[in-house]
């Protein structure tokens, strides 16, 4: 099955969105650490595995889509 350009763009946007969320969380935690607010940094990173899982899922879909695109 060949992927359409619209499907490819959808998956590309999903990867971009998931990556943005991951970057924002990491930057927020870094800012908290830099400001000496260790507990806030820890709280921000508590669900980082879930956020990274979302990114990996988006990447997996994007990869499979690109593999099926001529």
N, C-alpha and C. Protein backbone atom coordinates (compact mmCIF):
# COMPACT_ATOMS: atom_id res chain seq x y z
N UNK A 1 0.84 -1.17 0.00
CA UNK A 1 0.00 0.00 0.00
C UNK A 1 0.89 1.24 0.00
N UNK A 2 0.61 2.16 -0.88
CA UNK A 2 1.40 3.37 -1.01
C UNK A 2 0.77 4.49 -0.20
N UNK A 3 1.59 5.21 0.55
CA UNK A 3 1.12 6.32 1.37
C UNK A 3 0.94 7.57 0.51
N UNK A 4 -0.09 8.32 0.81
CA UNK A 4 -0.33 9.56 0.09
C UNK A 4 0.47 10.70 0.72
N UNK A 5 0.68 11.78 -0.04
CA UNK A 5 1.37 12.94 0.54
C UNK A 5 0.65 13.49 1.78
N UNK A 6 -0.67 13.45 1.78
CA UNK A 6 -1.42 13.95 2.94
C UNK A 6 -1.15 13.09 4.17
N UNK A 7 -1.07 11.77 3.98
CA UNK A 7 -0.75 10.88 5.10
C UNK A 7 0.66 11.17 5.61
N UNK A 8 1.59 11.33 4.71
CA UNK A 8 2.97 11.61 5.10
C UNK A 8 3.04 12.90 5.91
N UNK A 9 2.32 13.93 5.47
CA UNK A 9 2.32 15.20 6.19
C UNK A 9 1.70 15.05 7.57
N UNK A 10 0.68 14.25 7.69
CA UNK A 10 0.04 14.00 8.98
C UNK A 10 1.02 13.36 9.95
N UNK A 11 1.74 12.36 9.49
CA UNK A 11 2.71 11.68 10.36
C UNK A 11 3.89 12.60 10.68
N UNK A 12 4.30 13.40 9.73
CA UNK A 12 5.39 14.36 9.97
C UNK A 12 4.97 15.35 11.07
N UNK A 13 3.75 15.81 11.00
CA UNK A 13 3.25 16.74 12.03
C UNK A 13 3.15 16.07 13.39
N UNK A 14 2.77 14.81 13.41
CA UNK A 14 2.69 14.08 14.68
C UNK A 14 4.07 13.97 15.33
N UNK A 15 5.09 13.69 14.53
CA UNK A 15 6.46 13.61 15.05
C UNK A 15 6.89 14.98 15.56
N UNK A 16 6.62 16.01 14.79
CA UNK A 16 7.00 17.37 15.19
C UNK A 16 6.32 17.76 16.49
N UNK A 17 5.05 17.46 16.62
CA UNK A 17 4.29 17.79 17.83
C UNK A 17 4.83 17.03 19.04
N UNK A 18 5.04 15.72 18.88
CA UNK A 18 5.55 14.91 20.00
C UNK A 18 6.96 15.37 20.40
N UNK A 19 7.77 15.73 19.43
CA UNK A 19 9.12 16.22 19.71
C UNK A 19 9.06 17.56 20.45
N UNK A 20 8.17 18.43 20.02
CA UNK A 20 8.01 19.72 20.71
C UNK A 20 7.65 19.52 22.17
N UNK A 21 6.71 18.63 22.44
CA UNK A 21 6.29 18.37 23.82
C UNK A 21 7.46 17.84 24.65
N UNK A 22 8.22 16.94 24.07
CA UNK A 22 9.39 16.38 24.76
C UNK A 22 10.43 17.47 25.05
N UNK A 23 10.71 18.30 24.08
CA UNK A 23 11.69 19.37 24.24
C UNK A 23 11.24 20.38 25.29
N UNK A 24 9.97 20.74 25.26
CA UNK A 24 9.45 21.70 26.24
C UNK A 24 9.59 21.14 27.65
N UNK A 25 9.26 19.88 27.84
CA UNK A 25 9.38 19.26 29.17
C UNK A 25 10.83 19.24 29.63
N UNK A 26 11.74 18.88 28.75
CA UNK A 26 13.16 18.84 29.12
C UNK A 26 13.69 20.24 29.43
N UNK A 27 13.29 21.22 28.62
CA UNK A 27 13.74 22.60 28.85
C UNK A 27 13.17 23.13 30.16
N UNK A 28 11.91 22.82 30.43
CA UNK A 28 11.29 23.26 31.68
C UNK A 28 12.03 22.66 32.88
N UNK A 29 12.33 21.38 32.81
CA UNK A 29 13.07 20.73 33.90
C UNK A 29 14.46 21.35 34.05
N UNK A 30 15.10 21.63 32.94
CA UNK A 30 16.43 22.26 32.99
C UNK A 30 16.36 23.64 33.63
N UNK A 31 15.33 24.40 33.28
CA UNK A 31 15.16 25.73 33.87
C UNK A 31 14.93 25.63 35.38
N UNK A 32 14.11 24.67 35.79
CA UNK A 32 13.88 24.47 37.22
C UNK A 32 15.18 24.12 37.94
N UNK A 33 15.96 23.22 37.35
CA UNK A 33 17.23 22.85 37.97
C UNK A 33 18.18 24.04 38.06
N UNK A 34 18.23 24.81 36.98
CA UNK A 34 19.09 25.99 36.97
C UNK A 34 18.69 27.02 38.01
N UNK A 35 17.40 27.04 38.34
CA UNK A 35 16.91 27.97 39.34
C UNK A 35 16.92 27.40 40.75
N UNK A 36 17.46 26.20 40.90
CA UNK A 36 17.55 25.58 42.21
C UNK A 36 16.27 24.94 42.69
N UNK A 37 15.30 24.78 41.81
CA UNK A 37 14.02 24.19 42.20
C UNK A 37 14.02 22.71 41.81
N UNK A 38 14.74 21.93 42.58
CA UNK A 38 14.93 20.51 42.27
C UNK A 38 13.62 19.72 42.26
N UNK A 39 12.75 19.99 43.21
CA UNK A 39 11.50 19.23 43.28
C UNK A 39 10.60 19.49 42.07
N UNK A 40 10.58 20.71 41.60
CA UNK A 40 9.80 21.02 40.40
C UNK A 40 10.40 20.30 39.18
N UNK A 41 11.72 20.23 39.11
CA UNK A 41 12.37 19.52 38.01
C UNK A 41 12.01 18.04 38.05
N UNK A 42 12.05 17.47 39.23
CA UNK A 42 11.70 16.05 39.37
C UNK A 42 10.25 15.83 38.96
N UNK A 43 9.37 16.71 39.42
CA UNK A 43 7.95 16.59 39.07
C UNK A 43 7.73 16.69 37.57
N UNK A 44 8.45 17.58 36.93
CA UNK A 44 8.34 17.74 35.48
C UNK A 44 8.79 16.49 34.74
N UNK A 45 9.80 15.82 35.28
CA UNK A 45 10.36 14.65 34.60
C UNK A 45 9.68 13.33 34.97
N UNK A 46 8.71 13.39 35.89
CA UNK A 46 8.06 12.15 36.33
C UNK A 46 7.40 11.39 35.18
N UNK A 47 6.85 12.09 34.23
CA UNK A 47 6.17 11.40 33.13
C UNK A 47 6.95 11.46 31.81
N UNK A 48 8.27 11.67 31.91
CA UNK A 48 9.09 11.78 30.71
C UNK A 48 9.08 10.49 29.89
N UNK A 49 8.96 9.34 30.57
CA UNK A 49 8.88 8.07 29.83
C UNK A 49 7.64 8.03 28.94
N UNK A 50 6.53 8.53 29.46
CA UNK A 50 5.30 8.56 28.67
C UNK A 50 5.45 9.51 27.47
N UNK A 51 6.04 10.65 27.71
CA UNK A 51 6.26 11.62 26.62
C UNK A 51 7.21 11.05 25.57
N UNK A 52 8.26 10.37 26.02
CA UNK A 52 9.18 9.76 25.08
C UNK A 52 8.50 8.61 24.33
N UNK A 53 7.64 7.89 25.03
CA UNK A 53 6.87 6.82 24.37
C UNK A 53 5.99 7.37 23.26
N UNK A 54 5.37 8.53 23.50
CA UNK A 54 4.56 9.17 22.46
C UNK A 54 5.43 9.55 21.26
N UNK A 55 6.62 10.07 21.54
CA UNK A 55 7.54 10.43 20.46
C UNK A 55 7.94 9.18 19.67
N UNK A 56 8.27 8.10 20.37
CA UNK A 56 8.68 6.87 19.69
C UNK A 56 7.54 6.31 18.83
N UNK A 57 6.31 6.37 19.34
CA UNK A 57 5.17 5.89 18.57
C UNK A 57 4.98 6.72 17.31
N UNK A 58 5.09 8.04 17.44
CA UNK A 58 4.97 8.92 16.27
C UNK A 58 6.07 8.63 15.26
N UNK A 59 7.28 8.42 15.75
CA UNK A 59 8.40 8.09 14.85
C UNK A 59 8.17 6.76 14.14
N UNK A 60 7.67 5.79 14.88
CA UNK A 60 7.41 4.48 14.29
C UNK A 60 6.38 4.60 13.16
N UNK A 61 5.30 5.34 13.39
CA UNK A 61 4.28 5.54 12.35
C UNK A 61 4.86 6.29 11.16
N UNK A 62 5.65 7.30 11.43
CA UNK A 62 6.26 8.09 10.35
C UNK A 62 7.21 7.23 9.54
N UNK A 63 8.01 6.44 10.22
CA UNK A 63 8.96 5.56 9.53
C UNK A 63 8.23 4.58 8.62
N UNK A 64 7.19 3.94 9.14
CA UNK A 64 6.44 2.97 8.33
C UNK A 64 5.76 3.65 7.15
N UNK A 65 5.27 4.85 7.38
CA UNK A 65 4.65 5.60 6.30
C UNK A 65 5.67 5.94 5.22
N UNK A 66 6.83 6.41 5.63
CA UNK A 66 7.86 6.79 4.65
C UNK A 66 8.38 5.56 3.89
N UNK A 67 8.42 4.44 4.55
CA UNK A 67 8.86 3.22 3.89
C UNK A 67 7.88 2.81 2.79
N UNK A 68 6.62 3.18 2.95
CA UNK A 68 5.60 2.83 1.97
C UNK A 68 5.30 3.96 0.99
N UNK A 69 6.15 4.99 1.00
CA UNK A 69 5.97 6.12 0.08
C UNK A 69 7.00 5.99 -1.04
N UNK A 70 6.53 6.09 -2.28
CA UNK A 70 7.48 5.96 -3.41
C UNK A 70 8.47 7.10 -3.48
